[in-house]
């Protein structure tokens, strides 16, 4: 099972979050020096890059989606 970037945007949109709002929510679950940018979120959504485990965990917390959702069938 590989990472499914289209599920990043789907989870964000279904959660009613803009990329900026998502970054603010993720920041609540990450150390100050690890805060992502809206540009990072855009790259994850396009599949240009894949978020690291701690970013994916924070993304999961911010959207309410299980981490496995981003790799599942």
C-alpha atoms as a PDB file:
ATOM      1  CA  UNK A   1       0.000   0.000   0.000  1.00  0.00           C
ATOM      2  CA  UNK A   2       1.352   3.365  -0.980  1.00  0.00           C
ATOM      3  CA  UNK A   3       0.650   6.870   0.134  1.00  0.00           C
ATOM      4  CA  UNK A   4      -2.507   8.308  -1.459  1.00  0.00           C
ATOM      5  CA  UNK A   5      -2.042  12.094  -1.847  1.00  0.00           C
ATOM      6  CA  UNK A   6      -5.606  12.624  -3.101  1.00  0.00           C
ATOM      7  CA  UNK A   7      -6.815  11.576   0.331  1.00  0.00           C
ATOM      8  CA  UNK A   8      -4.923  14.459   1.941  1.00  0.00           C
ATOM      9  CA  UNK A   9      -7.024  17.068   0.147  1.00  0.00           C
ATOM     10  CA  UNK A  10     -10.197  15.024   0.618  1.00  0.00           C
ATOM     11  CA  UNK A  11      -9.647  14.746   4.391  1.00  0.00           C
ATOM     12  CA  UNK A  12      -8.787  18.444   4.658  1.00  0.00           C
ATOM     13  CA  UNK A  13     -11.799  19.549   2.636  1.00  0.00           C
ATOM     14  CA  UNK A  14     -14.186  17.167   4.423  1.00  0.00           C
ATOM     15  CA  UNK A  15     -12.937  18.647   7.699  1.00  0.00           C
ATOM     16  CA  UNK A  16     -13.830  22.136   6.455  1.00  0.00           C
ATOM     17  CA  UNK A  17     -10.243  23.378   6.672  1.00  0.00           C
ATOM     18  CA  UNK A  18      -8.324  25.590   4.275  1.00  0.00           C
ATOM     19  CA  UNK A  19      -4.630  24.862   3.905  1.00  0.00           C
ATOM     20  CA  UNK A  20      -3.883  27.775   6.247  1.00  0.00           C
ATOM     21  CA  UNK A  21      -6.386  26.563   8.851  1.00  0.00           C
ATOM     22  CA  UNK A  22      -4.985  23.037   8.618  1.00  0.00           C
ATOM     23  CA  UNK A  23      -1.474  24.318   9.318  1.00  0.00           C
ATOM     24  CA  UNK A  24      -2.756  26.151  12.408  1.00  0.00           C
ATOM     25  CA  UNK A  25      -4.506  22.999  13.648  1.00  0.00           C
ATOM     26  CA  UNK A  26      -1.461  20.828  12.973  1.00  0.00           C
ATOM     27  CA  UNK A  27       0.742  23.274  14.895  1.00  0.00           C
ATOM     28  CA  UNK A  28      -1.192  22.394  18.058  1.00  0.00           C
ATOM     29  CA  UNK A  29       0.223  18.856  17.836  1.00  0.00           C
ATOM     30  CA  UNK A  30       3.811  19.619  16.790  1.00  0.00           C
ATOM     31  CA  UNK A  31       6.876  21.225  18.376  1.00  0.00           C
ATOM     32  CA  UNK A  32       7.371  24.872  17.377  1.00  0.00           C
ATOM     33  CA  UNK A  33      10.309  24.039  15.120  1.00  0.00           C
ATOM     34  CA  UNK A  34       8.274  21.464  13.148  1.00  0.00           C
ATOM     35  CA  UNK A  35       5.316  23.548  11.967  1.00  0.00           C
ATOM     36  CA  UNK A  36       4.432  22.880   8.316  1.00  0.00           C
ATOM     37  CA  UNK A  37       3.560  25.581   5.793  1.00  0.00           C
ATOM     38  CA  UNK A  38       0.572  25.844   3.457  1.00  0.00           C
ATOM     39  CA  UNK A  39       3.066  25.164   0.651  1.00  0.00           C
ATOM     40  CA  UNK A  40       3.959  21.854   2.335  1.00  0.00           C
ATOM     41  CA  UNK A  41       0.291  20.892   2.465  1.00  0.00           C
ATOM     42  CA  UNK A  42      -0.089  21.765  -1.215  1.00  0.00           C
ATOM     43  CA  UNK A  43       2.874  19.543  -2.122  1.00  0.00           C
ATOM     44  CA  UNK A  44       1.406  16.651  -0.087  1.00  0.00           C
ATOM     45  CA  UNK A  45      -1.943  17.077  -1.851  1.00  0.00           C
ATOM     46  CA  UNK A  46      -0.298  17.070  -5.298  1.00  0.00           C
ATOM     47  CA  UNK A  47       1.900  14.105  -4.414  1.00  0.00           C
ATOM     48  CA  UNK A  48       5.085  16.122  -4.982  1.00  0.00           C
ATOM     49  CA  UNK A  49       6.295  15.137  -1.523  1.00  0.00           C
ATOM     50  CA  UNK A  50       5.037  12.811   1.184  1.00  0.00           C
ATOM     51  CA  UNK A  51       4.604  14.033   4.758  1.00  0.00           C
ATOM     52  CA  UNK A  52       6.848  12.521   7.392  1.00  0.00           C
ATOM     53  CA  UNK A  53       5.337  10.407  10.162  1.00  0.00           C
ATOM     54  CA  UNK A  54       5.017  13.213  12.704  1.00  0.00           C
ATOM     55  CA  UNK A  55       3.347  15.501  10.143  1.00  0.00           C
ATOM     56  CA  UNK A  56       0.980  12.745   9.114  1.00  0.00           C
ATOM     57  CA  UNK A  57       0.162  12.124  12.778  1.00  0.00           C
ATOM     58  CA  UNK A  58      -0.568  15.841  13.329  1.00  0.00           C
ATOM     59  CA  UNK A  59      -2.609  15.917  10.111  1.00  0.00           C
ATOM     60  CA  UNK A  60      -4.586  12.946  11.375  1.00  0.00           C
ATOM     61  CA  UNK A  61      -5.240  14.671  14.707  1.00  0.00           C
ATOM     62  CA  UNK A  62      -6.277  17.916  12.978  1.00  0.00           C
ATOM     63  CA  UNK A  63      -8.723  16.247  10.574  1.00  0.00           C
ATOM     64  CA  UNK A  64      -9.962  13.312  12.638  1.00  0.00           C
ATOM     65  CA  UNK A  65      -8.894  10.782  10.000  1.00  0.00           C
ATOM     66  CA  UNK A  66      -6.901   7.710  10.978  1.00  0.00           C
ATOM     67  CA  UNK A  67      -3.344   7.644   9.608  1.00  0.00           C
ATOM     68  CA  UNK A  68      -4.084   4.385   7.794  1.00  0.00           C
ATOM     69  CA  UNK A  69      -6.674   6.203   5.670  1.00  0.00           C
ATOM     70  CA  UNK A  70      -3.851   7.895   3.753  1.00  0.00           C
ATOM     71  CA  UNK A  71      -2.381   4.526   2.742  1.00  0.00           C
ATOM     72  CA  UNK A  72      -5.484   2.312   2.520  1.00  0.00           C
ATOM     73  CA  UNK A  73      -7.446   0.833  -0.315  1.00  0.00           C
END
